[in-house]
Amino acid sequence: MVDTHRITGAAKDLAGKAQGAIGDLVGSHDDSVKGRLHEAQGSAENLYGQAKDAARHVADEVSDYAEDAYDHGKRQLHDVHERSTEWPHASLVVAGLVGFGLGLLVAKL
């Protein structure tokens, strides 16, 4: 979804360009300057809207990535649980070896 600041900024930019061009045509320095000012304000608002859109896009991408990582972790945990119930003795041996290794690491500190 496009941010409303992009739309209003583009409209102000276009109106400012038109006002500046008309001011240049009729020789009105005041209208020319005001038109350039409105053009700059419109461009700034458009850039602000683009930045908001980019931030929203990044947030959506991060959310999707986090959801995928959560689902992957959940599947992995389910697989480990199923394997440990299929081979409970092997799970005990692995847990014992991990505990022994951690014990060696702590004892050396």
PDB file of N, CA and C in Angstrom:
ATOM      1  N   MET A   1       0.837  -1.171   0.000  1.00  0.00           N
ATOM      2  CA  MET A   1       0.000   0.000   0.000  1.00  0.00           C
ATOM      3  C   MET A   1       0.888   1.242   0.000  1.00  0.00           C
ATOM      4  N   VAL A   2       0.563   2.181  -0.832  1.00  0.00           N
ATOM      5  CA  VAL A   2       1.350   3.401  -0.967  1.00  0.00           C
ATOM      6  C   VAL A   2       0.961   4.369   0.143  1.00  0.00           C
ATOM      7  N   ASP A   3       1.959   4.988   0.743  1.00  0.00           N
ATOM      8  CA  ASP A   3       1.725   5.954   1.810  1.00  0.00           C
ATOM      9  C   ASP A   3       1.062   7.205   1.237  1.00  0.00           C
ATOM     10  N   THR A   4       0.141   7.809   1.996  1.00  0.00           N
ATOM     11  CA  THR A   4      -0.580   8.999   1.519  1.00  0.00           C
ATOM     12  C   THR A   4       0.352  10.191   1.339  1.00  0.00           C
ATOM     13  N   HIS A   5       1.458  10.222   2.073  1.00  0.00           N
ATOM     14  CA  HIS A   5       2.412  11.323   1.922  1.00  0.00           C
ATOM     15  C   HIS A   5       3.030  11.323   0.519  1.00  0.00           C
ATOM     16  N   ARG A   6       3.159  10.168  -0.059  1.00  0.00           N
ATOM     17  CA  ARG A   6       3.700  10.096  -1.426  1.00  0.00           C
ATOM     18  C   ARG A   6       2.731  10.735  -2.410  1.00  0.00           C
ATOM     19  N   ILE A   7       1.444  10.473  -2.227  1.00  0.00           N
ATOM     20  CA  ILE A   7       0.435  11.010  -3.141  1.00  0.00           C
ATOM     21  C   ILE A   7       0.312  12.517  -2.980  1.00  0.00           C
ATOM     22  N   THR A   8       0.157  12.977  -1.732  1.00  0.00           N
ATOM     23  CA  THR A   8       0.017  14.423  -1.517  1.00  0.00           C
ATOM     24  C   THR A   8       1.307  15.149  -1.882  1.00  0.00           C
ATOM     25  N   GLY A   9       2.438  14.535  -1.623  1.00  0.00           N
ATOM     26  CA  GLY A   9       3.715  15.147  -1.988  1.00  0.00           C
ATOM     27  C   GLY A   9       3.861  15.301  -3.488  1.00  0.00           C
ATOM     28  N   ALA A  10       3.462  14.269  -4.231  1.00  0.00           N
ATOM     29  CA  ALA A  10       3.540  14.340  -5.693  1.00  0.00           C
ATOM     30  C   ALA A  10       2.592  15.421  -6.226  1.00  0.00           C
ATOM     31  N   ALA A  11       1.409  15.534  -5.609  1.00  0.00           N
ATOM     32  CA  ALA A  11       0.458  16.564  -6.039  1.00  0.00           C
ATOM     33  C   ALA A  11       1.009  17.970  -5.757  1.00  0.00           C
ATOM     34  N   LYS A  12       1.585  18.170  -4.564  1.00  0.00           N
ATOM     35  CA  LYS A  12       2.170  19.472  -4.232  1.00  0.00           C
ATOM     36  C   LYS A  12       3.346  19.789  -5.150  1.00  0.00           C
ATOM     37  N   ASP A  13       4.138  18.775  -5.450  1.00  0.00           N
ATOM     38  CA  ASP A  13       5.284  18.957  -6.341  1.00  0.00           C
ATOM     39  C   ASP A  13       4.813  19.420  -7.723  1.00  0.00           C
ATOM     40  N   LEU A  14       3.786  18.762  -8.245  1.00  0.00           N
ATOM     41  CA  LEU A  14       3.255  19.113  -9.555  1.00  0.00           C
ATOM     42  C   LEU A  14       2.638  20.513  -9.542  1.00  0.00           C
ATOM     43  N   ALA A  15       1.868  20.814  -8.499  1.00  0.00           N
ATOM     44  CA  ALA A  15       1.256  22.142  -8.398  1.00  0.00           C
ATOM     45  C   ALA A  15       2.330  23.223  -8.276  1.00  0.00           C
ATOM     46  N   GLY A  16       3.384  22.936  -7.523  1.00  0.00           N
ATOM     47  CA  GLY A  16       4.471  23.902  -7.377  1.00  0.00           C
ATOM     48  C   GLY A  16       5.190  24.144  -8.690  1.00  0.00           C
ATOM     49  N   LYS A  17       5.403  23.072  -9.459  1.00  0.00           N
ATOM     50  CA  LYS A  17       6.040  23.225 -10.778  1.00  0.00           C
ATOM     51  C   LYS A  17       5.175  24.089 -11.691  1.00  0.00           C
ATOM     52  N   ALA A  18       3.863  23.840 -11.652  1.00  0.00           N
ATOM     53  CA  ALA A  18       2.956  24.629 -12.493  1.00  0.00           C
ATOM     54  C   ALA A  18       2.950  26.095 -12.058  1.00  0.00           C
ATOM     55  N   GLN A  19       2.880  26.337 -10.761  1.00  0.00           N
ATOM     56  CA  GLN A  19       2.879  27.709 -10.260  1.00  0.00           C
ATOM     57  C   GLN A  19       4.178  28.421 -10.606  1.00  0.00           C
ATOM     58  N   GLY A  20       5.297  27.714 -10.464  1.00  0.00           N
ATOM     59  CA  GLY A  20       6.585  28.311 -10.808  1.00  0.00           C
ATOM     60  C   GLY A  20       6.695  28.618 -12.292  1.00  0.00           C
ATOM     61  N   ALA A  21       6.178  27.722 -13.131  1.00  0.00           N
ATOM     62  CA  ALA A  21       6.230  27.946 -14.579  1.00  0.00           C
ATOM     63  C   ALA A  21       5.346  29.114 -14.983  1.00  0.00           C
ATOM     64  N   ILE A  22       4.173  29.184 -14.377  1.00  0.00           N
ATOM     65  CA  ILE A  22       3.276  30.307 -14.685  1.00  0.00           C
ATOM     66  C   ILE A  22       3.896  31.616 -14.206  1.00  0.00           C
ATOM     67  N   GLY A  23       4.501  31.590 -13.033  1.00  0.00           N
ATOM     68  CA  GLY A  23       5.172  32.788 -12.528  1.00  0.00           C
ATOM     69  C   GLY A  23       6.296  33.232 -13.461  1.00  0.00           C
ATOM     70  N   ASP A  24       7.025  32.262 -14.000  1.00  0.00           N
ATOM     71  CA  ASP A  24       8.091  32.599 -14.945  1.00  0.00           C
ATOM     72  C   ASP A  24       7.518  33.180 -16.238  1.00  0.00           C
ATOM     73  N   LEU A  25       6.393  32.622 -16.710  1.00  0.00           N
ATOM     74  CA  LEU A  25       5.786  33.086 -17.951  1.00  0.00           C
ATOM     75  C   LEU A  25       5.269  34.514 -17.854  1.00  0.00           C
ATOM     76  N   VAL A  26       4.591  34.817 -16.739  1.00  0.00           N
ATOM     77  CA  VAL A  26       4.005  36.150 -16.603  1.00  0.00           C
ATOM     78  C   VAL A  26       4.986  37.147 -15.990  1.00  0.00           C
ATOM     79  N   GLY A  27       6.126  36.676 -15.581  1.00  0.00           N
ATOM     80  CA  GLY A  27       7.145  37.563 -15.015  1.00  0.00           C
ATOM     81  C   GLY A  27       6.937  37.900 -13.555  1.00  0.00           C
ATOM     82  N   SER A  28       6.148  37.082 -12.852  1.00  0.00           N
ATOM     83  CA  SER A  28       5.892  37.324 -11.436  1.00  0.00           C
ATOM     84  C   SER A  28       6.941  36.576 -10.613  1.00  0.00           C
ATOM     85  N   HIS A  29       7.872  37.343 -10.082  1.00  0.00           N
ATOM     86  CA  HIS A  29       8.932  36.739  -9.277  1.00  0.00           C
ATOM     87  C   HIS A  29       8.353  36.092  -8.018  1.00  0.00           C
ATOM     88  N   ASP A  30       7.339  36.718  -7.423  1.00  0.00           N
ATOM     89  CA  ASP A  30       6.717  36.203  -6.199  1.00  0.00           C
ATOM     90  C   ASP A  30       6.083  34.830  -6.455  1.00  0.00           C
ATOM     91  N   ASP A  31       5.304  34.693  -7.538  1.00  0.00           N
ATOM     92  CA  ASP A  31       4.678  33.403  -7.856  1.00  0.00           C
ATOM     93  C   ASP A  31       5.721  32.348  -8.214  1.00  0.00           C
ATOM     94  N   SER A  32       6.766  32.766  -8.885  1.00  0.00           N
ATOM     95  CA  SER A  32       7.832  31.837  -9.255  1.00  0.00           C
ATOM     96  C   SER A  32       8.503  31.269  -8.009  1.00  0.00           C
ATOM     97  N   VAL A  33       8.802  32.128  -7.037  1.00  0.00           N
ATOM     98  CA  VAL A  33       9.452  31.685  -5.797  1.00  0.00           C
ATOM     99  C   VAL A  33       8.513  30.800  -4.981  1.00  0.00           C
ATOM    100  N   LYS A  34       7.242  31.209  -4.872  1.00  0.00           N
ATOM    101  CA  LYS A  34       6.266  30.394  -4.128  1.00  0.00           C
ATOM    102  C   LYS A  34       6.091  29.021  -4.790  1.00  0.00           C
ATOM    103  N   GLY A  35       6.098  29.019  -6.111  1.00  0.00           N
ATOM    104  CA  GLY A  35       5.973  27.744  -6.816  1.00  0.00           C
ATOM    105  C   GLY A  35       7.149  26.824  -6.542  1.00  0.00           C
ATOM    106  N   ARG A  36       8.342  27.376  -6.549  1.00  0.00           N
ATOM    107  CA  ARG A  36       9.532  26.561  -6.255  1.00  0.00           C
ATOM    108  C   ARG A  36       9.496  26.054  -4.805  1.00  0.00           C
ATOM    109  N   LEU A  37       8.968  26.886  -3.909  1.00  0.00           N
ATOM    110  CA  LEU A  37       8.858  26.477  -2.505  1.00  0.00           C
ATOM    111  C   LEU A  37       7.872  25.320  -2.368  1.00  0.00           C
ATOM    112  N   HIS A  38       6.716  25.440  -3.020  1.00  0.00           N
ATOM    113  CA  HIS A  38       5.729  24.349  -2.966  1.00  0.00           C
ATOM    114  C   HIS A  38       6.281  23.082  -3.617  1.00  0.00           C
ATOM    115  N   GLU A  39       7.041  23.259  -4.678  1.00  0.00           N
ATOM    116  CA  GLU A  39       7.672  22.113  -5.345  1.00  0.00           C
ATOM    117  C   GLU A  39       8.632  21.404  -4.389  1.00  0.00           C
ATOM    118  N   ALA A  40       9.432  22.169  -3.662  1.00  0.00           N
ATOM    119  CA  ALA A  40      10.384  21.577  -2.711  1.00  0.00           C
ATOM    120  C   ALA A  40       9.643  20.892  -1.564  1.00  0.00           C
ATOM    121  N   GLN A  41       8.563  21.521  -1.073  1.00  0.00           N
ATOM    122  CA  GLN A  41       7.786  20.895   0.004  1.00  0.00           C
ATOM    123  C   GLN A  41       7.160  19.583  -0.468  1.00  0.00           C
ATOM    124  N   GLY A  42       6.650  19.583  -1.701  1.00  0.00           N
ATOM    125  CA  GLY A  42       6.057  18.366  -2.246  1.00  0.00           C
ATOM    126  C   GLY A  42       7.086  17.263  -2.414  1.00  0.00           C
ATOM    127  N   SER A  43       8.270  17.629  -2.884  1.00  0.00           N
ATOM    128  CA  SER A  43       9.333  16.624  -3.044  1.00  0.00           C
ATOM    129  C   SER A  43       9.740  16.048  -1.690  1.00  0.00           C
ATOM    130  N   ALA A  44       9.836  16.913  -0.692  1.00  0.00           N
ATOM    131  CA  ALA A  44      10.213  16.442   0.652  1.00  0.00           C
ATOM    132  C   ALA A  44       9.140  15.513   1.214  1.00  0.00           C
ATOM    133  N   GLU A  45       7.869  15.867   1.033  1.00  0.00           N
ATOM    134  CA  GLU A  45       6.798  15.017   1.543  1.00  0.00           C
ATOM    135  C   GLU A  45       6.762  13.681   0.805  1.00  0.00           C
ATOM    136  N   ASN A  46       7.020  13.714  -0.484  1.00  0.00           N
ATOM    137  CA  ASN A  46       7.079  12.487  -1.271  1.00  0.00           C
ATOM    138  C   ASN A  46       8.217  11.589  -0.776  1.00  0.00           C
ATOM    139  N   LEU A  47       9.375  12.166  -0.520  1.00  0.00           N
ATOM    140  CA  LEU A  47      10.510  11.380   0.005  1.00  0.00           C
ATOM    141  C   LEU A  47      10.190  10.795   1.373  1.00  0.00           C
ATOM    142  N   TYR A  48       9.499  11.573   2.200  1.00  0.00           N
ATOM    143  CA  TYR A  48       9.083  11.073   3.512  1.00  0.00           C
ATOM    144  C   TYR A  48       8.168   9.860   3.355  1.00  0.00           C
ATOM    145  N   GLY A  49       7.213   9.945   2.428  1.00  0.00           N
ATOM    146  CA  GLY A  49       6.321   8.813   2.166  1.00  0.00           C
ATOM    147  C   GLY A  49       7.072   7.605   1.649  1.00  0.00           C
ATOM    148  N   GLN A  50       8.069   7.841   0.791  1.00  0.00           N
ATOM    149  CA  GLN A  50       8.876   6.731   0.288  1.00  0.00           C
ATOM    150  C   GLN A  50       9.653   6.062   1.420  1.00  0.00           C
ATOM    151  N   ALA A  51      10.171   6.876   2.335  1.00  0.00           N
ATOM    152  CA  ALA A  51      10.912   6.317   3.476  1.00  0.00           C
ATOM    153  C   ALA A  51       9.993   5.485   4.360  1.00  0.00           C
ATOM    154  N   LYS A  52       8.769   5.964   4.583  1.00  0.00           N
ATOM    155  CA  LYS A  52       7.817   5.193   5.384  1.00  0.00           C
ATOM    156  C   LYS A  52       7.470   3.875   4.693  1.00  0.00           C
ATOM    157  N   ASP A  53       7.286   3.926   3.380  1.00  0.00           N
ATOM    158  CA  ASP A  53       7.002   2.694   2.631  1.00  0.00           C
ATOM    159  C   ASP A  53       8.158   1.704   2.735  1.00  0.00           C
ATOM    160  N   ALA A  54       9.385   2.216   2.629  1.00  0.00           N
ATOM    161  CA  ALA A  54      10.556   1.343   2.721  1.00  0.00           C
ATOM    162  C   ALA A  54      10.664   0.725   4.111  1.00  0.00           C
ATOM    163  N   ALA A  55      10.411   1.521   5.146  1.00  0.00           N
ATOM    164  CA  ALA A  55      10.470   1.000   6.518  1.00  0.00           C
ATOM    165  C   ALA A  55       9.393  -0.057   6.736  1.00  0.00           C
ATOM    166  N   ARG A  56       8.206   0.188   6.199  1.00  0.00           N
ATOM    167  CA  ARG A  56       7.116  -0.784   6.323  1.00  0.00           C
ATOM    168  C   ARG A  56       7.488  -2.087   5.606  1.00  0.00           C
ATOM    169  N   HIS A  57       8.101  -1.965   4.444  1.00  0.00           N
ATOM    170  CA  HIS A  57       8.515  -3.149   3.686  1.00  0.00           C
ATOM    171  C   HIS A  57       9.560  -3.959   4.458  1.00  0.00           C
ATOM    172  N   VAL A  58      10.536  -3.273   5.043  1.00  0.00           N
ATOM    173  CA  VAL A  58      11.568  -3.962   5.826  1.00  0.00           C
ATOM    174  C   VAL A  58      10.945  -4.653   7.031  1.00  0.00           C
ATOM    175  N   ALA A  59      10.023  -3.975   7.706  1.00  0.00           N
ATOM    176  CA  ALA A  59       9.369  -4.581   8.874  1.00  0.00           C
ATOM    177  C   ALA A  59       8.589  -5.830   8.471  1.00  0.00           C
ATOM    178  N   ASP A  60       7.920  -5.782   7.322  1.00  0.00           N
ATOM    179  CA  ASP A  60       7.187  -6.958   6.847  1.00  0.00           C
ATOM    180  C   ASP A  60       8.135  -8.109   6.531  1.00  0.00           C
ATOM    181  N   GLU A  61       9.266  -7.785   5.897  1.00  0.00           N
ATOM    182  CA  GLU A  61      10.251  -8.822   5.565  1.00  0.00           C
ATOM    183  C   GLU A  61      10.818  -9.463   6.833  1.00  0.00           C
ATOM    184  N   VAL A  62      11.130  -8.645   7.832  1.00  0.00           N
ATOM    185  CA  VAL A  62      11.672  -9.166   9.093  1.00  0.00           C
ATOM    186  C   VAL A  62      10.643 -10.033   9.787  1.00  0.00           C
ATOM    187  N   SER A  63       9.392  -9.601   9.767  1.00  0.00           N
ATOM    188  CA  SER A  63       8.326 -10.389  10.382  1.00  0.00           C
ATOM    189  C   SER A  63       8.181 -11.742   9.688  1.00  0.00           C
ATOM    190  N   ASP A  64       8.218 -11.742   8.362  1.00  0.00           N
ATOM    191  CA  ASP A  64       8.119 -13.004   7.621  1.00  0.00           C
ATOM    192  C   ASP A  64       9.305 -13.917   7.928  1.00  0.00           C
ATOM    193  N   TYR A  65      10.502 -13.331   7.999  1.00  0.00           N
ATOM    194  CA  TYR A  65      11.697 -14.119   8.299  1.00  0.00           C
ATOM    195  C   TYR A  65      11.608 -14.725   9.701  1.00  0.00           C
ATOM    196  N   ALA A  66      11.148 -13.931  10.675  1.00  0.00           N
ATOM    197  CA  ALA A  66      11.024 -14.432  12.048  1.00  0.00           C
ATOM    198  C   ALA A  66       9.988 -15.548  12.127  1.00  0.00           C
ATOM    199  N   GLU A  67       8.905 -15.397  11.392  1.00  0.00           N
ATOM    200  CA  GLU A  67       7.877 -16.433  11.391  1.00  0.00           C
ATOM    201  C   GLU A  67       8.410 -17.728  10.777  1.00  0.00           C
ATOM    202  N   ASP A  68       9.155 -17.610   9.687  1.00  0.00           N
ATOM    203  CA  ASP A  68       9.752 -18.791   9.066  1.00  0.00           C
ATOM    204  C   ASP A  68      10.754 -19.466  10.009  1.00  0.00           C
ATOM    205  N   ALA A  69      11.573 -18.664  10.697  1.00  0.00           N
ATOM    206  CA  ALA A  69      12.554 -19.221  11.633  1.00  0.00           C
ATOM    207  C   ALA A  69      11.851 -19.931  12.790  1.00  0.00           C
ATOM    208  N   TYR A  70      10.763 -19.342  13.279  1.00  0.00           N
ATOM    209  CA  TYR A  70      10.000 -19.968  14.358  1.00  0.00           C
ATOM    210  C   TYR A  70       9.423 -21.306  13.905  1.00  0.00           C
ATOM    211  N   ASP A  71       8.833 -21.321  12.715  1.00  0.00           N
ATOM    212  CA  ASP A  71       8.258 -22.566  12.199  1.00  0.00           C
ATOM    213  C   ASP A  71       9.335 -23.634  11.996  1.00  0.00           C
ATOM    214  N   HIS A  72      10.498 -23.223  11.497  1.00  0.00           N
ATOM    215  CA  HIS A  72      11.592 -24.171  11.297  1.00  0.00           C
ATOM    216  C   HIS A  72      12.060 -24.745  12.638  1.00  0.00           C
ATOM    217  N   GLY A  73      12.218 -23.888  13.624  1.00  0.00           N
ATOM    218  CA  GLY A  73      12.627 -24.348  14.952  1.00  0.00           C
ATOM    219  C   GLY A  73      11.608 -25.285  15.573  1.00  0.00           C
ATOM    220  N   LYS A  74      10.342 -24.958  15.362  1.00  0.00           N
ATOM    221  CA  LYS A  74       9.274 -25.809  15.893  1.00  0.00           C
ATOM    222  C   LYS A  74       9.323 -27.199  15.256  1.00  0.00           C
ATOM    223  N   ARG A  75       9.548 -27.247  13.930  1.00  0.00           N
ATOM    224  CA  ARG A  75       9.655 -28.547  13.248  1.00  0.00           C
ATOM    225  C   ARG A  75      10.873 -29.329  13.737  1.00  0.00           C
ATOM    226  N   GLN A  76      11.994 -28.632  13.919  1.00  0.00           N
ATOM    227  CA  GLN A  76      13.208 -29.296  14.393  1.00  0.00           C
ATOM    228  C   GLN A  76      12.996 -29.882  15.791  1.00  0.00           C
ATOM    229  N   LEU A  77      12.362 -29.112  16.659  1.00  0.00           N
ATOM    230  CA  LEU A  77      12.094 -29.594  18.014  1.00  0.00           C
ATOM    231  C   LEU A  77      11.180 -30.808  17.992  1.00  0.00           C
ATOM    232  N   HIS A  78      10.184 -30.775  17.117  1.00  0.00           N
ATOM    233  CA  HIS A  78       9.287 -31.916  16.985  1.00  0.00           C
ATOM    234  C   HIS A  78      10.047 -33.145  16.504  1.00  0.00           C
ATOM    235  N   ASP A  79      10.951 -32.963  15.542  1.00  0.00           N
ATOM    236  CA  ASP A  79      11.754 -34.083  15.045  1.00  0.00           C
ATOM    237  C   ASP A  79      12.645 -34.664  16.140  1.00  0.00           C
ATOM    238  N   VAL A  80      13.278 -33.804  16.929  1.00  0.00           N
ATOM    239  CA  VAL A  80      14.133 -34.270  18.024  1.00  0.00           C
ATOM    240  C   VAL A  80      13.304 -35.039  19.044  1.00  0.00           C
ATOM    241  N   HIS A  81      12.129 -34.533  19.344  1.00  0.00           N
ATOM    242  CA  HIS A  81      11.263 -35.212  20.312  1.00  0.00           C
ATOM    243  C   HIS A  81      10.873 -36.593  19.805  1.00  0.00           C
ATOM    244  N   GLU A  82      10.513 -36.688  18.532  1.00  0.00           N
ATOM    245  CA  GLU A  82      10.134 -37.993  17.991  1.00  0.00           C
ATOM    246  C   GLU A  82      11.305 -38.968  18.000  1.00  0.00           C
ATOM    247  N   ARG A  83      12.489 -38.490  17.647  1.00  0.00           N
ATOM    248  CA  ARG A  83      13.657 -39.374  17.648  1.00  0.00           C
ATOM    249  C   ARG A  83      14.000 -39.843  19.066  1.00  0.00           C
ATOM    250  N   SER A  84      13.851 -38.945  20.017  1.00  0.00           N
ATOM    251  CA  SER A  84      14.202 -39.334  21.386  1.00  0.00           C
ATOM    252  C   SER A  84      13.211 -40.344  21.947  1.00  0.00           C
ATOM    253  N   THR A  85      11.963 -40.297  21.503  1.00  0.00           N
ATOM    254  CA  THR A  85      11.004 -41.308  21.983  1.00  0.00           C
ATOM    255  C   THR A  85      11.186 -42.631  21.258  1.00  0.00           C
ATOM    256  N   GLU A  86      11.734 -42.603  20.040  1.00  0.00           N
ATOM    257  CA  GLU A  86      11.983 -43.847  19.310  1.00  0.00           C
ATOM    258  C   GLU A  86      13.190 -44.588  19.880  1.00  0.00           C
ATOM    259  N   TRP A  87      14.235 -43.849  20.265  1.00  0.00           N
ATOM    260  CA  TRP A  87      15.464 -44.441  20.780  1.00  0.00           C
ATOM    261  C   TRP A  87      15.823 -43.807  22.128  1.00  0.00           C
ATOM    262  N   PRO A  88      15.128 -44.168  23.184  1.00  0.00           N
ATOM    263  CA  PRO A  88      15.369 -43.511  24.476  1.00  0.00           C
ATOM    264  C   PRO A  88      16.767 -43.801  25.032  1.00  0.00           C
ATOM    265  N   HIS A  89      17.323 -44.967  24.787  1.00  0.00           N
ATOM    266  CA  HIS A  89      18.649 -45.283  25.314  1.00  0.00           C
ATOM    267  C   HIS A  89      19.713 -44.438  24.624  1.00  0.00           C
ATOM    268  N   ALA A  90      19.589 -44.272  23.327  1.00  0.00           N
ATOM    269  CA  ALA A  90      20.550 -43.445  22.602  1.00  0.00           C
ATOM    270  C   ALA A  90      20.461 -41.994  23.081  1.00  0.00           C
ATOM    271  N   SER A  91      19.253 -41.535  23.372  1.00  0.00           N
ATOM    272  CA  SER A  91      19.077 -40.167  23.869  1.00  0.00           C
ATOM    273  C   SER A  91      19.757 -39.989  25.218  1.00  0.00           C
ATOM    274  N   LEU A  92      19.663 -40.993  26.069  1.00  0.00           N
ATOM    275  CA  LEU A  92      20.323 -40.920  27.378  1.00  0.00           C
ATOM    276  C   LEU A  92      21.841 -40.895  27.236  1.00  0.00           C
ATOM    277  N   VAL A  93      22.366 -41.676  26.319  1.00  0.00           N
ATOM    278  CA  VAL A  93      23.814 -41.698  26.098  1.00  0.00           C
ATOM    279  C   VAL A  93      24.289 -40.346  25.579  1.00  0.00           C
ATOM    280  N   VAL A  94      23.572 -39.778  24.627  1.00  0.00           N
ATOM    281  CA  VAL A  94      23.944 -38.465  24.080  1.00  0.00           C
ATOM    282  C   VAL A  94      23.871 -37.407  25.171  1.00  0.00           C
ATOM    283  N   ALA A  95      22.796 -37.407  25.964  1.00  0.00           N
ATOM    284  CA  ALA A  95      22.663 -36.431  27.047  1.00  0.00           C
ATOM    285  C   ALA A  95      23.793 -36.591  28.058  1.00  0.00           C
ATOM    286  N   GLY A  96      24.176 -37.831  28.350  1.00  0.00           N
ATOM    287  CA  GLY A  96      25.287 -38.068  29.273  1.00  0.00           C
ATOM    288  C   GLY A  96      26.600 -37.549  28.722  1.00  0.00           C
ATOM    289  N   LEU A  97      26.845 -37.765  27.438  1.00  0.00           N
ATOM    290  CA  LEU A  97      28.075 -37.265  26.826  1.00  0.00           C
ATOM    291  C   LEU A  97      28.119 -35.737  26.811  1.00  0.00           C
ATOM    292  N   VAL A  98      27.001 -35.123  26.520  1.00  0.00           N
ATOM    293  CA  VAL A  98      26.946 -33.649  26.542  1.00  0.00           C
ATOM    294  C   VAL A  98      27.211 -33.140  27.950  1.00  0.00           C
ATOM    295  N   GLY A  99      26.611 -33.773  28.938  1.00  0.00           N
ATOM    296  CA  GLY A  99      26.831 -33.382  30.333  1.00  0.00           C
ATOM    297  C   GLY A  99      28.280 -33.570  30.748  1.00  0.00           C
ATOM    298  N   PHE A 100      28.862 -34.668  30.322  1.00  0.00           N
ATOM    299  CA  PHE A 100      30.265 -34.930  30.642  1.00  0.00           C
ATOM    300  C   PHE A 100      31.166 -33.869  30.015  1.00  0.00           C
ATOM    301  N   GLY A 101      30.891 -33.522  28.734  1.00  0.00           N
ATOM    302  CA  GLY A 101      31.677 -32.503  28.055  1.00  0.00           C
ATOM    303  C   GLY A 101      31.555 -31.144  28.730  1.00  0.00           C
ATOM    304  N   LEU A 102      30.339 -30.785  29.124  1.00  0.00           N
ATOM    305  CA  LEU A 102      30.159 -29.519  29.848  1.00  0.00           C
ATOM    306  C   LEU A 102      30.874 -29.541  31.199  1.00  0.00           C
ATOM    307  N   GLY A 103      30.858 -30.692  31.842  1.00  0.00           N
ATOM    308  CA  GLY A 103      31.568 -30.815  33.113  1.00  0.00           C
ATOM    309  C   GLY A 103      33.072 -30.593  32.947  1.00  0.00           C
ATOM    310  N   LEU A 104      33.653 -31.155  31.893  1.00  0.00           N
ATOM    311  CA  LEU A 104      35.071 -30.946  31.621  1.00  0.00           C
ATOM    312  C   LEU A 104      35.387 -29.468  31.357  1.00  0.00           C
ATOM    313  N   LEU A 105      34.497 -28.802  30.597  1.00  0.00           N
ATOM    314  CA  LEU A 105      34.710 -27.394  30.314  1.00  0.00           C
ATOM    315  C   LEU A 105      34.654 -26.553  31.580  1.00  0.00           C
ATOM    316  N   VAL A 106      33.704 -26.833  32.446  1.00  0.00           N
ATOM    317  CA  VAL A 106      33.572 -26.065  33.687  1.00  0.00           C
ATOM    318  C   VAL A 106      34.727 -26.330  34.631  1.00  0.00           C
ATOM    319  N   ALA A 107      35.182 -27.588  34.670  1.00  0.00           N
ATOM    320  CA  ALA A 107      36.272 -27.940  35.579  1.00  0.00           C
ATOM    321  C   ALA A 107      37.585 -27.239  35.176  1.00  0.00           C
ATOM    322  N   LYS A 108      37.770 -26.972  33.884  1.00  0.00           N
ATOM    323  CA  LYS A 108      39.006 -26.325  33.430  1.00  0.00           C
ATOM    324  C   LYS A 108      39.009 -24.828  33.698  1.00  0.00           C
ATOM    325  N   LEU A 109      37.829 -24.249  33.933  1.00  0.00           N
ATOM    326  CA  LEU A 109      37.762 -22.805  34.211  1.00  0.00           C
ATOM    327  C   LEU A 109      38.173 -22.592  35.619  1.00  0.00           C
TER     328      LEU A 109
END
